Amino acid sequence: MDRTLVSHQQLLKIINSELSNHEECNTCQVTSVICLTDEDEDGCNWYSGNLSCSGVPADVCSPIANQIISQAKIKFNVK
């Protein structure tokens, strides 16, 4: 499957928009993505950095964020 190329900022906006759709995570954000030198074994060229949660324990939103990121890694690569 071909991935859509997006900028770092676009990717963060996509991930955080999905995250905000979950009421328990509406104050959480993924604050960075890190580009890889080479694509990973699945063809993705980035990984997620930090999950920042305000007022919610990170372990509440971490599984949701991980699922959103996993889906984004299938769909998007960073320009």
N, C-alpha and C. Protein backbone atom coordinates (compact mmCIF):
# COMPACT_ATOMS: atom_id res chain seq x y z
N MET A 1 0.84 -1.19 0.00
CA MET A 1 0.00 0.00 0.00
C MET A 1 0.89 1.24 0.00
N ASP A 2 0.59 2.16 -0.89
CA ASP A 2 1.34 3.41 -0.93
C ASP A 2 0.89 4.32 0.19
N ARG A 3 1.87 4.97 0.80
CA ARG A 3 1.58 5.92 1.87
C ARG A 3 1.51 7.33 1.29
N THR A 4 0.65 8.15 1.88
CA THR A 4 0.56 9.55 1.52
C THR A 4 1.70 10.29 2.20
N LEU A 5 2.39 11.14 1.45
CA LEU A 5 3.47 11.94 2.03
C LEU A 5 2.88 13.21 2.65
N VAL A 6 3.24 13.43 3.90
CA VAL A 6 2.77 14.62 4.63
C VAL A 6 3.95 15.23 5.38
N SER A 7 3.83 16.49 5.75
CA SER A 7 4.85 17.14 6.56
C SER A 7 4.73 16.67 8.00
N HIS A 8 5.77 16.97 8.81
CA HIS A 8 5.71 16.67 10.24
C HIS A 8 4.46 17.29 10.85
N GLN A 9 4.24 18.55 10.56
CA GLN A 9 3.11 19.28 11.15
C GLN A 9 1.77 18.67 10.72
N GLN A 10 1.65 18.31 9.45
CA GLN A 10 0.41 17.69 8.99
C GLN A 10 0.16 16.36 9.71
N LEU A 11 1.22 15.58 9.87
CA LEU A 11 1.08 14.29 10.53
C LEU A 11 0.65 14.47 11.98
N LEU A 12 1.27 15.40 12.68
CA LEU A 12 0.87 15.67 14.06
C LEU A 12 -0.59 16.12 14.14
N LYS A 13 -0.99 16.95 13.21
CA LYS A 13 -2.37 17.43 13.18
C LYS A 13 -3.34 16.27 12.96
N ILE A 14 -3.01 15.37 12.06
CA ILE A 14 -3.86 14.21 11.80
C ILE A 14 -3.96 13.32 13.04
N ILE A 15 -2.82 13.00 13.64
CA ILE A 15 -2.81 12.13 14.82
C ILE A 15 -3.57 12.78 15.97
N ASN A 16 -3.30 14.05 16.22
CA ASN A 16 -3.94 14.73 17.35
C ASN A 16 -5.43 14.96 17.12
N SER A 17 -5.83 15.13 15.89
CA SER A 17 -7.25 15.25 15.58
C SER A 17 -7.97 13.95 15.92
N GLU A 18 -7.38 12.83 15.53
CA GLU A 18 -7.96 11.52 15.86
C GLU A 18 -8.00 11.31 17.37
N LEU A 19 -6.92 11.69 18.04
CA LEU A 19 -6.85 11.54 19.49
C LEU A 19 -7.93 12.35 20.19
N SER A 20 -8.19 13.54 19.70
CA SER A 20 -9.20 14.41 20.33
C SER A 20 -10.62 13.88 20.15
N ASN A 21 -10.82 12.94 19.23
CA ASN A 21 -12.14 12.33 19.05
C ASN A 21 -12.51 11.41 20.22
N HIS A 22 -11.55 11.10 21.06
CA HIS A 22 -11.79 10.26 22.23
C HIS A 22 -11.89 11.18 23.45
N GLU A 23 -13.06 11.21 24.04
CA GLU A 23 -13.33 12.16 25.13
C GLU A 23 -12.29 12.10 26.25
N GLU A 24 -11.85 10.89 26.61
CA GLU A 24 -10.89 10.75 27.69
C GLU A 24 -9.51 11.27 27.31
N CYS A 25 -9.29 11.53 26.02
CA CYS A 25 -7.97 11.97 25.55
C CYS A 25 -7.99 13.38 24.96
N ASN A 26 -9.05 14.13 25.19
CA ASN A 26 -9.16 15.43 24.51
C ASN A 26 -8.16 16.47 25.00
N THR A 27 -7.44 16.19 26.09
CA THR A 27 -6.38 17.11 26.53
C THR A 27 -4.99 16.55 26.25
N CYS A 28 -4.93 15.46 25.52
CA CYS A 28 -3.64 14.81 25.22
C CYS A 28 -3.21 15.15 23.80
N GLN A 29 -1.88 15.15 23.61
CA GLN A 29 -1.31 15.40 22.28
C GLN A 29 -0.03 14.62 22.10
N VAL A 30 0.17 14.16 20.88
CA VAL A 30 1.47 13.65 20.48
C VAL A 30 2.25 14.89 20.06
N THR A 31 3.40 15.11 20.68
CA THR A 31 4.12 16.36 20.48
C THR A 31 5.22 16.30 19.43
N SER A 32 5.57 15.10 18.98
CA SER A 32 6.62 15.03 17.96
C SER A 32 6.57 13.70 17.22
N VAL A 33 7.10 13.72 16.02
CA VAL A 33 7.39 12.50 15.27
C VAL A 33 8.85 12.60 14.86
N ILE A 34 9.51 11.48 14.82
CA ILE A 34 10.93 11.44 14.50
C ILE A 34 11.12 10.66 13.21
N CYS A 35 11.83 11.26 12.26
CA CYS A 35 12.10 10.60 10.99
C CYS A 35 13.20 9.57 11.17
N LEU A 36 13.05 8.46 10.49
CA LEU A 36 14.07 7.42 10.48
C LEU A 36 15.01 7.66 9.31
N THR A 37 16.24 7.25 9.43
CA THR A 37 17.20 7.35 8.33
C THR A 37 16.76 6.46 7.18
N ASP A 38 16.32 5.26 7.50
CA ASP A 38 15.80 4.31 6.52
C ASP A 38 14.40 3.89 6.95
N GLU A 39 13.60 3.46 5.99
CA GLU A 39 12.27 2.96 6.32
C GLU A 39 12.39 1.71 7.18
N ASP A 40 11.41 1.52 8.06
CA ASP A 40 11.40 0.30 8.87
C ASP A 40 10.97 -0.89 8.00
N GLU A 41 10.86 -2.06 8.61
CA GLU A 41 10.53 -3.27 7.85
C GLU A 41 9.15 -3.22 7.20
N ASP A 42 8.30 -2.32 7.65
CA ASP A 42 6.97 -2.18 7.08
C ASP A 42 6.89 -1.04 6.06
N GLY A 43 8.00 -0.31 5.85
CA GLY A 43 8.02 0.77 4.87
C GLY A 43 7.71 2.14 5.42
N CYS A 44 7.61 2.27 6.74
CA CYS A 44 7.32 3.56 7.36
C CYS A 44 8.64 4.27 7.68
N ASN A 45 8.66 5.60 7.51
CA ASN A 45 9.91 6.35 7.72
C ASN A 45 9.88 7.25 8.96
N TRP A 46 9.00 6.97 9.91
CA TRP A 46 8.91 7.79 11.12
C TRP A 46 8.43 6.94 12.29
N TYR A 47 8.63 7.49 13.48
CA TYR A 47 8.01 6.92 14.67
C TYR A 47 7.59 8.07 15.58
N SER A 48 6.70 7.76 16.47
CA SER A 48 6.13 8.79 17.33
C SER A 48 7.06 9.10 18.49
N GLY A 49 7.08 10.35 18.86
CA GLY A 49 7.86 10.79 20.00
C GLY A 49 7.04 10.76 21.27
N ASN A 50 6.76 11.89 21.81
CA ASN A 50 6.20 12.04 23.15
C ASN A 50 4.68 12.19 23.13
N LEU A 51 4.01 11.50 24.07
CA LEU A 51 2.59 11.71 24.32
C LEU A 51 2.48 12.57 25.57
N SER A 52 1.86 13.72 25.44
CA SER A 52 1.70 14.64 26.56
C SER A 52 0.22 14.71 26.94
N CYS A 53 -0.08 14.40 28.19
CA CYS A 53 -1.46 14.44 28.68
C CYS A 53 -1.56 15.44 29.82
N SER A 54 -2.60 16.24 29.76
CA SER A 54 -2.83 17.24 30.79
C SER A 54 -4.09 16.87 31.55
N GLY A 55 -3.93 16.54 32.83
CA GLY A 55 -5.08 16.23 33.66
C GLY A 55 -5.57 14.80 33.55
N VAL A 56 -4.93 14.00 32.70
CA VAL A 56 -5.31 12.61 32.52
C VAL A 56 -4.04 11.77 32.61
N PRO A 57 -4.05 10.69 33.36
CA PRO A 57 -2.86 9.84 33.39
C PRO A 57 -2.55 9.30 31.99
N ALA A 58 -1.30 9.33 31.61
CA ALA A 58 -0.89 8.90 30.28
C ALA A 58 -1.29 7.45 30.00
N ASP A 59 -1.34 6.62 31.03
CA ASP A 59 -1.69 5.22 30.80
C ASP A 59 -3.15 5.04 30.38
N VAL A 60 -3.98 6.06 30.60
CA VAL A 60 -5.36 6.01 30.12
C VAL A 60 -5.40 6.19 28.61
N CYS A 61 -4.62 7.13 28.10
CA CYS A 61 -4.67 7.46 26.68
C CYS A 61 -3.61 6.75 25.85
N SER A 62 -2.61 6.22 26.48
CA SER A 62 -1.53 5.58 25.75
C SER A 62 -2.00 4.46 24.80
N PRO A 63 -2.88 3.56 25.24
CA PRO A 63 -3.34 2.52 24.30
C PRO A 63 -4.11 3.10 23.11
N ILE A 64 -4.89 4.13 23.35
CA ILE A 64 -5.64 4.77 22.26
C ILE A 64 -4.67 5.46 21.31
N ALA A 65 -3.71 6.19 21.86
CA ALA A 65 -2.71 6.87 21.02
C ALA A 65 -1.91 5.86 20.22
N ASN A 66 -1.53 4.76 20.84
CA ASN A 66 -0.76 3.74 20.12
C ASN A 66 -1.54 3.16 18.96
N GLN A 67 -2.83 2.96 19.14
CA GLN A 67 -3.67 2.45 18.04
C GLN A 67 -3.76 3.47 16.91
N ILE A 68 -3.95 4.73 17.25
CA ILE A 68 -4.03 5.79 16.24
C ILE A 68 -2.71 5.89 15.49
N ILE A 69 -1.61 5.83 16.20
CA ILE A 69 -0.28 5.91 15.58
C ILE A 69 -0.04 4.71 14.68
N SER A 70 -0.42 3.52 15.13
CA SER A 70 -0.26 2.32 14.30
C SER A 70 -1.00 2.46 12.98
N GLN A 71 -2.21 2.99 13.03
CA GLN A 71 -2.98 3.20 11.81
C GLN A 71 -2.34 4.27 10.92
N ALA A 72 -1.84 5.34 11.55
CA ALA A 72 -1.19 6.41 10.78
C ALA A 72 0.08 5.92 10.11
N LYS A 73 0.81 5.01 10.76
CA LYS A 73 2.04 4.48 10.18
C LYS A 73 1.77 3.67 8.92
N ILE A 74 0.58 3.12 8.81
CA ILE A 74 0.19 2.38 7.61
C ILE A 74 -0.15 3.34 6.47
N LYS A 75 -0.70 4.49 6.81
CA LYS A 75 -1.23 5.42 5.81
C LYS A 75 -0.28 6.53 5.37
N PHE A 76 0.67 6.94 6.26
CA PHE A 76 1.44 8.15 5.99
C PHE A 76 2.95 7.95 6.15
N ASN A 77 3.71 8.65 5.33
CA ASN A 77 5.14 8.83 5.51
C ASN A 77 5.43 10.33 5.55
N VAL A 78 6.52 10.70 6.20
CA VAL A 78 6.90 12.10 6.30
C VAL A 78 7.73 12.50 5.09
N LYS A 79 7.43 13.68 4.54
CA LYS A 79 8.17 14.21 3.38
C LYS A 79 9.61 14.44 3.75
